[in-house]
Amino acid sequence: MKLGVYTAILHDKPIGEALRVIAGLGLESAEINSGGFIPEPHLPTDLLDSESARQDYLGEFDAAGVTLTALNCNGNPLDPNPSRREKHSADILRSIEVAAALGVKRVVTMSGTPGTDAAATRPAWNVLTWDSAYLDVRDYMWNEVVIPFWRTVQERAAHFDVKVALEMHPHNVVYNPATMERLATEINATHIGAEMDPSHLFWQGIEPIEAIGRLGSLVYNAAAKDTRINPEARINGVLNDVGFRRPEAGATDVVPLGGPYVLSRWPKPSSWDFVAVGRGHDVSWWRGFLAALERVDPDMAVNIEHEDAELGQLEGLESAAKVLREAAGR
């Protein structure tokens, strides 16, 4: 298997330096951002225009001994806000073409979140449809927005023979194995499947290894990110929204997410936190996770996504890489 890093955490470094950091961690794979919520400083803009630009770019990876295994374009391509929807959907379609031009076979993204109806102006995550009003919302989302868009992506991905791996992320229409299977069935998918990021499954109460067993060959790619369930969850559960807030006026560390939206501040105490590999689940669990992925595809890429707010940039990567290498027996 190919173990590596999603380089968003290294966006402060030029691509060559970022790749050398990955190699120095004893890892061999890189996943590069190609649009969506965040910028793409590690992906040149002229890759579709110039063969020499593509060769020069891939040469950076060869020089570091690292393989470019995926492009990452996480965003909301179904957003009712047209500025974000149009950019993010175009980014996905372009990423597929760029990946094909580079000889990369995976694009990672999210399924998206529409509004409740055609007049909506903001996305709405609609789950647990015990009231038929929510069934009406679900039917609109899937029949009028989700299925038509993802049929288009399936056609483009099949044309370029690039697999699109959807992160099963809450606040998206595909957030668990059942919704992943529904989408694959509805669009007769041959090139749309799952990215297995266990961090988003843990806090939903899903066992990722069992999810891999359920999805089987629909799993195309994987992320290495852990989750710690905190004592607060015993009182308020994992869906508690108290304490989330907007960044303070004048804050310099605001993370734009496209259109008028920014990343919210995380609550303290929190019900759960994203943590580095091994800080939520031990080496034994990660060994089983890698083994389950290997049964699906021995060449699966598993890239560290560092979002542990308690560890620094390199500290978090080093900690995660050590656990991941141990789990893989390296």
C-alpha atoms as a PDB file:
ATOM      1  CA  MET A   1       0.000   0.000   0.000  1.00  0.00           C
ATOM      2  CA  LYS A   2       1.074   3.608  -0.524  1.00  0.00           C
ATOM      3  CA  LEU A   3       1.231   5.667   2.680  1.00  0.00           C
ATOM      4  CA  GLY A   4       1.503   9.424   2.435  1.00  0.00           C
ATOM      5  CA  VAL A   5       0.166  12.895   3.209  1.00  0.00           C
ATOM      6  CA  TYR A   6      -2.572  15.192   1.938  1.00  0.00           C
ATOM      7  CA  THR A   7      -0.469  18.318   1.522  1.00  0.00           C
ATOM      8  CA  ALA A   8      -2.974  20.982   2.631  1.00  0.00           C
ATOM      9  CA  ILE A   9      -1.172  21.095   6.003  1.00  0.00           C
ATOM     10  CA  LEU A  10       2.038  21.971   4.106  1.00  0.00           C
ATOM     11  CA  HIS A  11       0.634  24.803   1.976  1.00  0.00           C
ATOM     12  CA  ASP A  12       3.098  27.231   3.573  1.00  0.00           C
ATOM     13  CA  LYS A  13       5.935  25.406   1.790  1.00  0.00           C
ATOM     14  CA  PRO A  14       6.760  25.147  -1.936  1.00  0.00           C
ATOM     15  CA  ILE A  15       5.788  21.822  -3.481  1.00  0.00           C
ATOM     16  CA  GLY A  16       9.375  20.523  -3.607  1.00  0.00           C
ATOM     17  CA  GLU A  17       9.940  21.228   0.069  1.00  0.00           C
ATOM     18  CA  ALA A  18       6.577  19.714   1.012  1.00  0.00           C
ATOM     19  CA  LEU A  19       7.456  16.524  -0.863  1.00  0.00           C
ATOM     20  CA  ARG A  20      10.800  16.326   0.904  1.00  0.00           C
ATOM     21  CA  VAL A  21       8.976  16.562   4.239  1.00  0.00           C
ATOM     22  CA  ILE A  22       6.805  13.605   3.196  1.00  0.00           C
ATOM     23  CA  ALA A  23       9.815  11.547   2.136  1.00  0.00           C
ATOM     24  CA  GLY A  24      11.570  12.443   5.393  1.00  0.00           C
ATOM     25  CA  LEU A  25       8.648  10.925   7.296  1.00  0.00           C
ATOM     26  CA  GLY A  26       9.314   7.599   5.579  1.00  0.00           C
ATOM     27  CA  LEU A  27       6.206   7.980   3.403  1.00  0.00           C
ATOM     28  CA  GLU A  28       5.812   7.694  -0.357  1.00  0.00           C
ATOM     29  CA  SER A  29       2.474   9.204  -1.440  1.00  0.00           C
ATOM     30  CA  ALA A  30       1.092  12.724  -1.867  1.00  0.00           C
ATOM     31  CA  GLU A  31      -2.459  13.995  -2.356  1.00  0.00           C
ATOM     32  CA  ILE A  32      -2.602  17.538  -3.747  1.00  0.00           C
ATOM     33  CA  ASN A  33      -5.434  20.055  -3.459  1.00  0.00           C
ATOM     34  CA  SER A  34      -7.017  20.995  -6.785  1.00  0.00           C
ATOM     35  CA  GLY A  35      -9.808  23.393  -5.825  1.00  0.00           C
ATOM     36  CA  GLY A  36     -12.988  23.467  -3.784  1.00  0.00           C
ATOM     37  CA  PHE A  37     -12.988  24.981  -0.306  1.00  0.00           C
ATOM     38  CA  ILE A  38      -9.311  25.917  -0.143  1.00  0.00           C
ATOM     39  CA  PRO A  39      -6.614  27.209  -2.548  1.00  0.00           C
ATOM     40  CA  GLU A  40      -4.308  24.948  -4.564  1.00  0.00           C
ATOM     41  CA  PRO A  41      -0.784  26.404  -4.221  1.00  0.00           C
ATOM     42  CA  HIS A  42       0.798  22.996  -4.922  1.00  0.00           C
ATOM     43  CA  LEU A  43      -0.921  22.601  -8.309  1.00  0.00           C
ATOM     44  CA  PRO A  44       0.270  24.761 -11.244  1.00  0.00           C
ATOM     45  CA  THR A  45      -2.394  26.382 -13.397  1.00  0.00           C
ATOM     46  CA  ASP A  46      -0.878  25.449 -16.786  1.00  0.00           C
ATOM     47  CA  LEU A  47      -0.921  21.659 -16.541  1.00  0.00           C
ATOM     48  CA  LEU A  48      -3.608  21.242 -19.209  1.00  0.00           C
ATOM     49  CA  ASP A  49      -1.807  23.564 -21.602  1.00  0.00           C
ATOM     50  CA  SER A  50       1.732  22.207 -21.653  1.00  0.00           C
ATOM     51  CA  GLU A  51       3.260  18.740 -21.764  1.00  0.00           C
ATOM     52  CA  SER A  52       6.545  20.199 -20.568  1.00  0.00           C
ATOM     53  CA  ALA A  53       4.756  21.781 -17.579  1.00  0.00           C
ATOM     54  CA  ARG A  54       3.301  18.385 -16.705  1.00  0.00           C
ATOM     55  CA  GLN A  55       6.675  16.677 -16.987  1.00  0.00           C
ATOM     56  CA  ASP A  56       8.380  19.362 -14.906  1.00  0.00           C
ATOM     57  CA  TYR A  57       5.683  19.015 -12.248  1.00  0.00           C
ATOM     58  CA  LEU A  58       5.864  15.223 -12.100  1.00  0.00           C
ATOM     59  CA  GLY A  59       9.636  15.557 -11.978  1.00  0.00           C
ATOM     60  CA  GLU A  60       9.290  17.228  -8.565  1.00  0.00           C
ATOM     61  CA  PHE A  61       7.691  14.028  -7.267  1.00  0.00           C
ATOM     62  CA  ASP A  62      10.289  11.787  -8.901  1.00  0.00           C
ATOM     63  CA  ALA A  63      13.074  13.827  -7.353  1.00  0.00           C
ATOM     64  CA  ALA A  64      11.603  13.389  -3.874  1.00  0.00           C
ATOM     65  CA  GLY A  65      10.776   9.695  -4.328  1.00  0.00           C
ATOM     66  CA  VAL A  66       7.086  10.401  -3.742  1.00  0.00           C
ATOM     67  CA  THR A  67       4.140   9.337  -5.934  1.00  0.00           C
ATOM     68  CA  LEU A  68       1.267  11.670  -6.755  1.00  0.00           C
ATOM     69  CA  THR A  69      -1.670   9.385  -5.941  1.00  0.00           C
ATOM     70  CA  ALA A  70      -4.681  11.731  -5.900  1.00  0.00           C
ATOM     71  CA  LEU A  71      -6.026  15.219  -6.378  1.00  0.00           C
ATOM     72  CA  ASN A  72      -8.313  16.551  -3.659  1.00  0.00           C
ATOM     73  CA  CYS A  73     -11.177  18.888  -4.533  1.00  0.00           C
ATOM     74  CA  ASN A  74     -13.371  18.906  -1.423  1.00  0.00           C
ATOM     75  CA  GLY A  75     -16.167  21.458  -1.680  1.00  0.00           C
ATOM     76  CA  ASN A  76     -19.916  21.829  -2.102  1.00  0.00           C
ATOM     77  CA  PRO A  77     -20.750  21.398  -5.792  1.00  0.00           C
ATOM     78  CA  LEU A  78     -24.496  21.393  -4.995  1.00  0.00           C
ATOM     79  CA  ASP A  79     -24.609  24.594  -2.946  1.00  0.00           C
ATOM     80  CA  PRO A  80     -27.679  26.769  -3.665  1.00  0.00           C
ATOM     81  CA  ASN A  81     -25.357  29.776  -3.494  1.00  0.00           C
ATOM     82  CA  PRO A  82     -24.397  30.092  -7.172  1.00  0.00           C
ATOM     83  CA  SER A  83     -20.933  31.546  -6.614  1.00  0.00           C
ATOM     84  CA  ARG A  84     -19.795  28.582  -4.556  1.00  0.00           C
ATOM     85  CA  ARG A  85     -21.735  25.952  -6.521  1.00  0.00           C
ATOM     86  CA  GLU A  86     -20.398  27.043  -9.885  1.00  0.00           C
ATOM     87  CA  LYS A  87     -16.790  27.217  -8.724  1.00  0.00           C
ATOM     88  CA  HIS A  88     -16.779  23.942  -6.813  1.00  0.00           C
ATOM     89  CA  SER A  89     -18.600  21.956  -9.489  1.00  0.00           C
ATOM     90  CA  ALA A  90     -16.273  23.327 -12.178  1.00  0.00           C
ATOM     91  CA  ASP A  91     -13.268  22.512  -9.986  1.00  0.00           C
ATOM     92  CA  ILE A  92     -14.352  18.866  -9.775  1.00  0.00           C
ATOM     93  CA  LEU A  93     -14.842  18.522 -13.515  1.00  0.00           C
ATOM     94  CA  ARG A  94     -11.512  20.201 -14.224  1.00  0.00           C
ATOM     95  CA  SER A  95      -9.726  18.095 -11.599  1.00  0.00           C
ATOM     96  CA  ILE A  96     -10.780  14.932 -13.399  1.00  0.00           C
ATOM     97  CA  GLU A  97      -9.209  16.198 -16.623  1.00  0.00           C
ATOM     98  CA  VAL A  98      -6.046  17.379 -14.864  1.00  0.00           C
ATOM     99  CA  ALA A  99      -5.703  14.035 -13.084  1.00  0.00           C
ATOM    100  CA  ALA A 100      -5.991  12.182 -16.380  1.00  0.00           C
ATOM    101  CA  ALA A 101      -3.377  14.432 -17.979  1.00  0.00           C
ATOM    102  CA  LEU A 102      -0.992  13.670 -15.099  1.00  0.00           C
ATOM    103  CA  GLY A 103      -1.683   9.929 -15.156  1.00  0.00           C
ATOM    104  CA  VAL A 104      -3.348  10.120 -11.720  1.00  0.00           C
ATOM    105  CA  LYS A 105      -6.294   7.779 -11.233  1.00  0.00           C
ATOM    106  CA  ARG A 106      -8.051   9.290  -8.195  1.00  0.00           C
ATOM    107  CA  VAL A 107      -9.863  12.549  -7.438  1.00  0.00           C
ATOM    108  CA  VAL A 108     -11.172  12.987  -3.898  1.00  0.00           C
ATOM    109  CA  THR A 109     -14.163  15.233  -3.269  1.00  0.00           C
ATOM    110  CA  MET A 110     -17.467  15.541  -1.398  1.00  0.00           C
ATOM    111  CA  SER A 111     -20.954  14.751  -2.653  1.00  0.00           C
ATOM    112  CA  GLY A 112     -22.316  18.191  -1.714  1.00  0.00           C
ATOM    113  CA  THR A 113     -25.337  19.602   0.069  1.00  0.00           C
ATOM    114  CA  PRO A 114     -28.254  21.294  -1.753  1.00  0.00           C
ATOM    115  CA  GLY A 115     -30.878  23.581  -0.271  1.00  0.00           C
ATOM    116  CA  THR A 116     -34.276  22.334   0.858  1.00  0.00           C
ATOM    117  CA  ASP A 117     -36.005  23.411  -2.373  1.00  0.00           C
ATOM    118  CA  ALA A 118     -35.423  25.297  -5.595  1.00  0.00           C
ATOM    119  CA  ALA A 119     -35.846  28.686  -3.858  1.00  0.00           C
ATOM    120  CA  ALA A 120     -33.353  27.959  -1.050  1.00  0.00           C
ATOM    121  CA  THR A 121     -30.318  30.205  -0.620  1.00  0.00           C
ATOM    122  CA  ARG A 122     -28.313  28.132   1.894  1.00  0.00           C
ATOM    123  CA  PRO A 123     -27.403  24.429   2.071  1.00  0.00           C
ATOM    124  CA  ALA A 124     -29.314  22.237   4.523  1.00  0.00           C
ATOM    125  CA  TRP A 125     -28.243  18.819   5.787  1.00  0.00           C
ATOM    126  CA  ASN A 126     -31.429  16.765   5.872  1.00  0.00           C
ATOM    127  CA  VAL A 127     -31.286  13.486   7.814  1.00  0.00           C
ATOM    128  CA  LEU A 128     -33.555  11.353  10.032  1.00  0.00           C
ATOM    129  CA  THR A 129     -36.650  11.930   7.925  1.00  0.00           C
ATOM    130  CA  TRP A 130     -39.257  10.870  10.509  1.00  0.00           C
ATOM    131  CA  ASP A 131     -41.547  13.744   9.427  1.00  0.00           C
ATOM    132  CA  SER A 132     -42.799  13.532   5.836  1.00  0.00           C
ATOM    133  CA  ALA A 133     -41.775  17.176   5.339  1.00  0.00           C
ATOM    134  CA  TYR A 134     -38.176  15.960   5.510  1.00  0.00           C
ATOM    135  CA  LEU A 135     -38.982  13.176   3.071  1.00  0.00           C
ATOM    136  CA  ASP A 136     -40.166  15.862   0.642  1.00  0.00           C
ATOM    137  CA  VAL A 137     -36.847  17.687   1.119  1.00  0.00           C
ATOM    138  CA  ARG A 138     -34.880  14.475   0.635  1.00  0.00           C
ATOM    139  CA  ASP A 139     -36.764  13.642  -2.567  1.00  0.00           C
ATOM    140  CA  TYR A 140     -36.135  17.111  -3.988  1.00  0.00           C
ATOM    141  CA  MET A 141     -32.448  16.978  -3.116  1.00  0.00           C
ATOM    142  CA  TRP A 142     -31.806  13.576  -4.615  1.00  0.00           C
ATOM    143  CA  ASN A 143     -34.117  13.627  -7.630  1.00  0.00           C
ATOM    144  CA  GLU A 144     -33.666  17.225  -8.747  1.00  0.00           C
ATOM    145  CA  VAL A 145     -30.080  18.030  -7.731  1.00  0.00           C
ATOM    146  CA  VAL A 146     -27.909  15.127  -6.560  1.00  0.00           C
ATOM    147  CA  ILE A 147     -28.590  12.482  -9.188  1.00  0.00           C
ATOM    148  CA  PRO A 148     -28.443  14.783 -12.250  1.00  0.00           C
ATOM    149  CA  PHE A 149     -25.135  16.358 -11.164  1.00  0.00           C
ATOM    150  CA  TRP A 150     -23.420  13.116 -10.249  1.00  0.00           C
ATOM    151  CA  ARG A 151     -24.553  11.459 -13.476  1.00  0.00           C
ATOM    152  CA  THR A 152     -22.648  14.211 -15.277  1.00  0.00           C
ATOM    153  CA  VAL A 153     -19.562  13.599 -13.139  1.00  0.00           C
ATOM    154  CA  GLN A 154     -19.832   9.835 -13.693  1.00  0.00           C
ATOM    155  CA  GLU A 155     -19.867  10.375 -17.457  1.00  0.00           C
ATOM    156  CA  ARG A 156     -16.821  12.635 -17.320  1.00  0.00           C
ATOM    157  CA  ALA A 157     -14.909  10.352 -14.956  1.00  0.00           C
ATOM    158  CA  ALA A 158     -15.639   7.322 -17.154  1.00  0.00           C
ATOM    159  CA  HIS A 159     -14.523   9.241 -20.252  1.00  0.00           C
ATOM    160  CA  PHE A 160     -11.146  10.064 -18.665  1.00  0.00           C
ATOM    161  CA  ASP A 161     -10.954   6.757 -16.730  1.00  0.00           C
ATOM    162  CA  VAL A 162     -10.424   8.531 -13.404  1.00  0.00           C
ATOM    163  CA  LYS A 163     -12.083   7.255 -10.213  1.00  0.00           C
ATOM    164  CA  VAL A 164     -13.829   9.900  -8.097  1.00  0.00           C
ATOM    165  CA  ALA A 165     -13.739   9.055  -4.381  1.00  0.00           C
ATOM    166  CA  LEU A 166     -16.378  10.736  -2.199  1.00  0.00           C
ATOM    167  CA  GLU A 167     -15.510  11.534   1.387  1.00  0.00           C
ATOM    168  CA  MET A 168     -18.440  10.263   3.458  1.00  0.00           C
ATOM    169  CA  HIS A 169     -18.665  13.517   5.361  1.00  0.00           C
ATOM    170  CA  PRO A 170     -21.653  14.607   7.491  1.00  0.00           C
ATOM    171  CA  HIS A 171     -23.369  17.731   6.123  1.00  0.00           C
ATOM    172  CA  ASN A 172     -23.231  16.073   2.695  1.00  0.00           C
ATOM    173  CA  VAL A 173     -25.854  13.882   1.055  1.00  0.00           C
ATOM    174  CA  VAL A 174     -23.345  11.002   1.051  1.00  0.00           C
ATOM    175  CA  TYR A 175     -22.225  10.611   4.654  1.00  0.00           C
ATOM    176  CA  ASN A 176     -22.356   6.850   5.362  1.00  0.00           C
ATOM    177  CA  PRO A 177     -22.202   3.544   3.460  1.00  0.00           C
ATOM    178  CA  ALA A 178     -25.967   3.468   2.823  1.00  0.00           C
ATOM    179  CA  THR A 179     -26.003   6.859   1.105  1.00  0.00           C
ATOM    180  CA  MET A 180     -22.845   5.951  -0.813  1.00  0.00           C
ATOM    181  CA  GLU A 181     -24.525   2.793  -2.062  1.00  0.00           C
ATOM    182  CA  ARG A 182     -27.672   4.713  -2.978  1.00  0.00           C
ATOM    183  CA  LEU A 183     -25.754   7.193  -5.112  1.00  0.00           C
ATOM    184  CA  ALA A 184     -23.749   4.456  -6.821  1.00  0.00           C
ATOM    185  CA  THR A 185     -26.966   2.581  -7.628  1.00  0.00           C
ATOM    186  CA  GLU A 186     -28.921   5.635  -8.812  1.00  0.00           C
ATOM    187  CA  ILE A 187     -26.245   6.688 -11.321  1.00  0.00           C
ATOM    188  CA  ASN A 188     -25.060   3.186 -12.299  1.00  0.00           C
ATOM    189  CA  ALA A 189     -21.608   4.166 -11.084  1.00  0.00           C
ATOM    190  CA  THR A 190     -18.487   2.682 -12.568  1.00  0.00           C
ATOM    191  CA  HIS A 191     -16.160   5.559 -11.585  1.00  0.00           C
ATOM    192  CA  ILE A 192     -17.822   7.082  -8.495  1.00  0.00           C
ATOM    193  CA  GLY A 193     -17.055   5.454  -5.143  1.00  0.00           C
ATOM    194  CA  ALA A 194     -15.904   6.194  -1.599  1.00  0.00           C
ATOM    195  CA  GLU A 195     -12.938   7.717   0.104  1.00  0.00           C
ATOM    196  CA  MET A 196     -12.613   5.907   3.423  1.00  0.00           C
ATOM    197  CA  ASP A 197     -11.868   8.616   5.997  1.00  0.00           C
ATOM    198  CA  PRO A 198     -12.529   6.927   9.346  1.00  0.00           C
ATOM    199  CA  SER A 199     -12.542  10.189  11.316  1.00  0.00           C
ATOM    200  CA  HIS A 200     -15.979  11.189  10.026  1.00  0.00           C
ATOM    201  CA  LEU A 201     -17.374   7.722  10.625  1.00  0.00           C
ATOM    202  CA  PHE A 202     -16.102   7.327  14.203  1.00  0.00           C
ATOM    203  CA  TRP A 203     -18.174  10.153  15.634  1.00  0.00           C
ATOM    204  CA  GLN A 204     -21.293   8.903  13.860  1.00  0.00           C
ATOM    205  CA  GLY A 205     -20.916   5.576  15.670  1.00  0.00           C
ATOM    206  CA  ILE A 206     -19.882   3.740  12.486  1.00  0.00           C
ATOM    207  CA  GLU A 207     -17.128   1.121  12.654  1.00  0.00           C
ATOM    208  CA  PRO A 208     -14.938   1.961   9.626  1.00  0.00           C
ATOM    209  CA  ILE A 209     -13.524  -1.551   9.229  1.00  0.00           C
ATOM    210  CA  GLU A 210     -17.024  -2.979   8.973  1.00  0.00           C
ATOM    211  CA  ALA A 211     -17.925  -0.169   6.555  1.00  0.00           C
ATOM    212  CA  ILE A 212     -15.026  -1.229   4.329  1.00  0.00           C
ATOM    213  CA  GLY A 213     -16.380  -4.776   4.395  1.00  0.00           C
ATOM    214  CA  ARG A 214     -19.806  -3.493   3.362  1.00  0.00           C
ATOM    215  CA  LEU A 215     -18.633  -1.227   0.544  1.00  0.00           C
ATOM    216  CA  GLY A 216     -15.895  -3.520  -0.792  1.00  0.00           C
ATOM    217  CA  SER A 217     -14.757  -2.464  -4.253  1.00  0.00           C
ATOM    218  CA  LEU A 218     -16.606   0.863  -3.931  1.00  0.00           C
ATOM    219  CA  VAL A 219     -13.722   2.024  -1.703  1.00  0.00           C
ATOM    220  CA  TYR A 220     -11.243   3.796  -3.983  1.00  0.00           C
ATOM    221  CA  ASN A 221      -8.993   5.792  -1.662  1.00  0.00           C
ATOM    222  CA  ALA A 222      -8.385   6.377   2.051  1.00  0.00           C
ATOM    223  CA  ALA A 223      -7.464   9.104   4.513  1.00  0.00           C
ATOM    224  CA  ALA A 224      -5.569   8.599   7.757  1.00  0.00           C
ATOM    225  CA  LYS A 225      -7.208  10.817  10.364  1.00  0.00           C
ATOM    226  CA  ASP A 226      -8.390   9.869  13.838  1.00  0.00           C
ATOM    227  CA  THR A 227     -11.184  11.036  16.148  1.00  0.00           C
ATOM    228  CA  ARG A 228     -11.279  11.216  19.930  1.00  0.00           C
ATOM    229  CA  ILE A 229     -14.688  10.985  21.588  1.00  0.00           C
ATOM    230  CA  ASN A 230     -14.659  13.254  24.656  1.00  0.00           C
ATOM    231  CA  PRO A 231     -16.552  13.029  28.001  1.00  0.00           C
ATOM    232  CA  GLU A 232     -18.887  15.828  26.847  1.00  0.00           C
ATOM    233  CA  ALA A 233     -20.448  13.341  24.428  1.00  0.00           C
ATOM    234  CA  ARG A 234     -21.799  11.334  27.379  1.00  0.00           C
ATOM    235  CA  ILE A 235     -23.935  14.329  28.315  1.00  0.00           C
ATOM    236  CA  ASN A 236     -24.804  16.090  25.058  1.00  0.00           C
ATOM    237  CA  GLY A 237     -24.088  13.436  22.432  1.00  0.00           C
ATOM    238  CA  VAL A 238     -22.112  13.940  19.243  1.00  0.00           C
ATOM    239  CA  LEU A 239     -24.624  16.256  17.533  1.00  0.00           C
ATOM    240  CA  ASN A 240     -24.328  19.069  20.074  1.00  0.00           C
ATOM    241  CA  ASP A 241     -23.981  22.443  18.291  1.00  0.00           C
ATOM    242  CA  VAL A 242     -23.543  24.625  21.387  1.00  0.00           C
ATOM    243  CA  GLY A 243     -20.272  26.579  21.341  1.00  0.00           C
ATOM    244  CA  PHE A 244     -19.730  26.790  17.579  1.00  0.00           C
ATOM    245  CA  ARG A 245     -19.306  30.442  16.615  1.00  0.00           C
ATOM    246  CA  ARG A 246     -18.074  32.799  13.927  1.00  0.00           C
ATOM    247  CA  PRO A 247     -14.488  34.088  14.017  1.00  0.00           C
ATOM    248  CA  GLU A 248     -13.953  37.289  15.954  1.00  0.00           C
ATOM    249  CA  ALA A 249     -14.040  40.581  14.062  1.00  0.00           C
ATOM    250  CA  GLY A 250     -10.584  41.376  12.741  1.00  0.00           C
ATOM    251  CA  ALA A 251      -9.228  37.852  13.291  1.00  0.00           C
ATOM    252  CA  THR A 252      -6.285  37.039  11.027  1.00  0.00           C
ATOM    253  CA  ASP A 253      -6.649  33.240  11.065  1.00  0.00           C
ATOM    254  CA  VAL A 254     -10.009  33.068   9.297  1.00  0.00           C
ATOM    255  CA  VAL A 255     -10.319  30.147   6.846  1.00  0.00           C
ATOM    256  CA  PRO A 256     -12.500  31.051   3.815  1.00  0.00           C
ATOM    257  CA  LEU A 257     -14.688  28.237   2.459  1.00  0.00           C
ATOM    258  CA  GLY A 258     -15.930  29.892  -0.707  1.00  0.00           C
ATOM    259  CA  GLY A 259     -18.653  32.470  -1.331  1.00  0.00           C
ATOM    260  CA  PRO A 260     -19.590  34.298   1.898  1.00  0.00           C
ATOM    261  CA  TYR A 261     -18.695  31.371   4.173  1.00  0.00           C
ATOM    262  CA  VAL A 262     -15.810  30.758   6.591  1.00  0.00           C
ATOM    263  CA  LEU A 263     -14.737  27.982   8.947  1.00  0.00           C
ATOM    264  CA  SER A 264     -16.500  28.266  12.316  1.00  0.00           C
ATOM    265  CA  ARG A 265     -14.687  28.247  15.654  1.00  0.00           C
ATOM    266  CA  TRP A 266     -14.735  24.876  17.433  1.00  0.00           C
ATOM    267  CA  PRO A 267     -16.462  24.599  20.847  1.00  0.00           C
ATOM    268  CA  LYS A 268     -14.723  23.911  24.159  1.00  0.00           C
ATOM    269  CA  PRO A 269     -15.477  21.534  25.708  1.00  0.00           C
ATOM    270  CA  SER A 270     -16.276  19.566  22.580  1.00  0.00           C
ATOM    271  CA  SER A 271     -18.054  16.241  22.232  1.00  0.00           C
ATOM    272  CA  TRP A 272     -15.331  15.029  19.892  1.00  0.00           C
ATOM    273  CA  ASP A 273     -12.158  16.231  18.198  1.00  0.00           C
ATOM    274  CA  PHE A 274     -10.157  15.288  15.143  1.00  0.00           C
ATOM    275  CA  VAL A 275      -6.771  14.031  16.300  1.00  0.00           C
ATOM    276  CA  ALA A 276      -3.640  12.567  14.744  1.00  0.00           C
ATOM    277  CA  VAL A 277      -3.572   8.882  13.864  1.00  0.00           C
ATOM    278  CA  GLY A 278      -3.138   6.874  17.069  1.00  0.00           C
ATOM    279  CA  ARG A 279      -4.514   9.527  19.430  1.00  0.00           C
ATOM    280  CA  GLY A 280      -8.073   8.224  19.208  1.00  0.00           C
ATOM    281  CA  HIS A 281      -7.517   4.577  18.272  1.00  0.00           C
ATOM    282  CA  ASP A 282      -4.395   2.518  18.904  1.00  0.00           C
ATOM    283  CA  VAL A 283      -1.920   0.883  16.539  1.00  0.00           C
ATOM    284  CA  SER A 284      -3.822  -2.381  16.657  1.00  0.00           C
ATOM    285  CA  TRP A 285      -6.962  -0.724  15.308  1.00  0.00           C
ATOM    286  CA  TRP A 286      -5.046   0.994  12.522  1.00  0.00           C
ATOM    287  CA  ARG A 287      -3.382  -2.302  11.633  1.00  0.00           C
ATOM    288  CA  GLY A 288      -6.825  -3.811  11.113  1.00  0.00           C
ATOM    289  CA  PHE A 289      -7.929  -0.780   9.092  1.00  0.00           C
ATOM    290  CA  LEU A 290      -4.983  -1.067   6.699  1.00  0.00           C
ATOM    291  CA  ALA A 291      -5.513  -4.811   6.377  1.00  0.00           C
ATOM    292  CA  ALA A 292      -9.173  -4.272   5.452  1.00  0.00           C
ATOM    293  CA  LEU A 293      -8.204  -1.726   2.801  1.00  0.00           C
ATOM    294  CA  GLU A 294      -5.523  -4.033   1.425  1.00  0.00           C
ATOM    295  CA  ARG A 295      -8.126  -6.761   0.929  1.00  0.00           C
ATOM    296  CA  VAL A 296     -10.047  -4.343  -1.299  1.00  0.00           C
ATOM    297  CA  ASP A 297      -7.020  -3.021  -3.207  1.00  0.00           C
ATOM    298  CA  PRO A 298      -3.386  -3.885  -2.379  1.00  0.00           C
ATOM    299  CA  ASP A 299      -2.312  -0.644  -4.115  1.00  0.00           C
ATOM    300  CA  MET A 300      -4.662   1.588  -2.093  1.00  0.00           C
ATOM    301  CA  ALA A 301      -3.272   5.023  -1.214  1.00  0.00           C
ATOM    302  CA  VAL A 302      -3.730   6.063   2.434  1.00  0.00           C
ATOM    303  CA  ASN A 303      -2.844   9.715   2.996  1.00  0.00           C
ATOM    304  CA  ILE A 304      -2.543  11.450   6.369  1.00  0.00           C
ATOM    305  CA  GLU A 305      -4.856  14.425   6.807  1.00  0.00           C
ATOM    306  CA  HIS A 306      -3.514  16.492   9.701  1.00  0.00           C
ATOM    307  CA  GLU A 307      -6.295  18.397  11.526  1.00  0.00           C
ATOM    308  CA  ASP A 308      -5.173  17.865  15.123  1.00  0.00           C
ATOM    309  CA  ALA A 309      -5.399  21.340  16.693  1.00  0.00           C
ATOM    310  CA  GLU A 310      -3.359  20.183  19.702  1.00  0.00           C
ATOM    311  CA  LEU A 311      -0.256  19.323  17.658  1.00  0.00           C
ATOM    312  CA  GLY A 312       1.916  21.500  15.461  1.00  0.00           C
ATOM    313  CA  GLN A 313       2.350  21.052  11.733  1.00  0.00           C
ATOM    314  CA  LEU A 314       5.383  18.753  11.734  1.00  0.00           C
ATOM    315  CA  GLU A 315       4.683  17.349  15.205  1.00  0.00           C
ATOM    316  CA  GLY A 316       1.291  16.078  14.069  1.00  0.00           C
ATOM    317  CA  LEU A 317       2.627  14.634  10.830  1.00  0.00           C
ATOM    318  CA  GLU A 318       5.498  12.885  12.604  1.00  0.00           C
ATOM    319  CA  SER A 319       3.161  11.420  15.224  1.00  0.00           C
ATOM    320  CA  ALA A 320       0.676  10.161  12.623  1.00  0.00           C
ATOM    321  CA  ALA A 321       3.386   8.801  10.316  1.00  0.00           C
ATOM    322  CA  LYS A 322       5.020   6.828  13.134  1.00  0.00           C
ATOM    323  CA  VAL A 323       1.748   5.101  14.057  1.00  0.00           C
ATOM    324  CA  LEU A 324       0.801   4.491  10.443  1.00  0.00           C
ATOM    325  CA  ARG A 325       4.175   2.969   9.579  1.00  0.00           C
ATOM    326  CA  GLU A 326       4.017   0.739  12.646  1.00  0.00           C
ATOM    327  CA  ALA A 327       0.514  -0.385  11.725  1.00  0.00           C
ATOM    328  CA  ALA A 328       1.766  -1.246   8.240  1.00  0.00           C
ATOM    329  CA  GLY A 329       4.794  -3.095   9.622  1.00  0.00           C
ATOM    330  CA  ARG A 330       7.333  -0.649   8.155  1.00  0.00           C
END
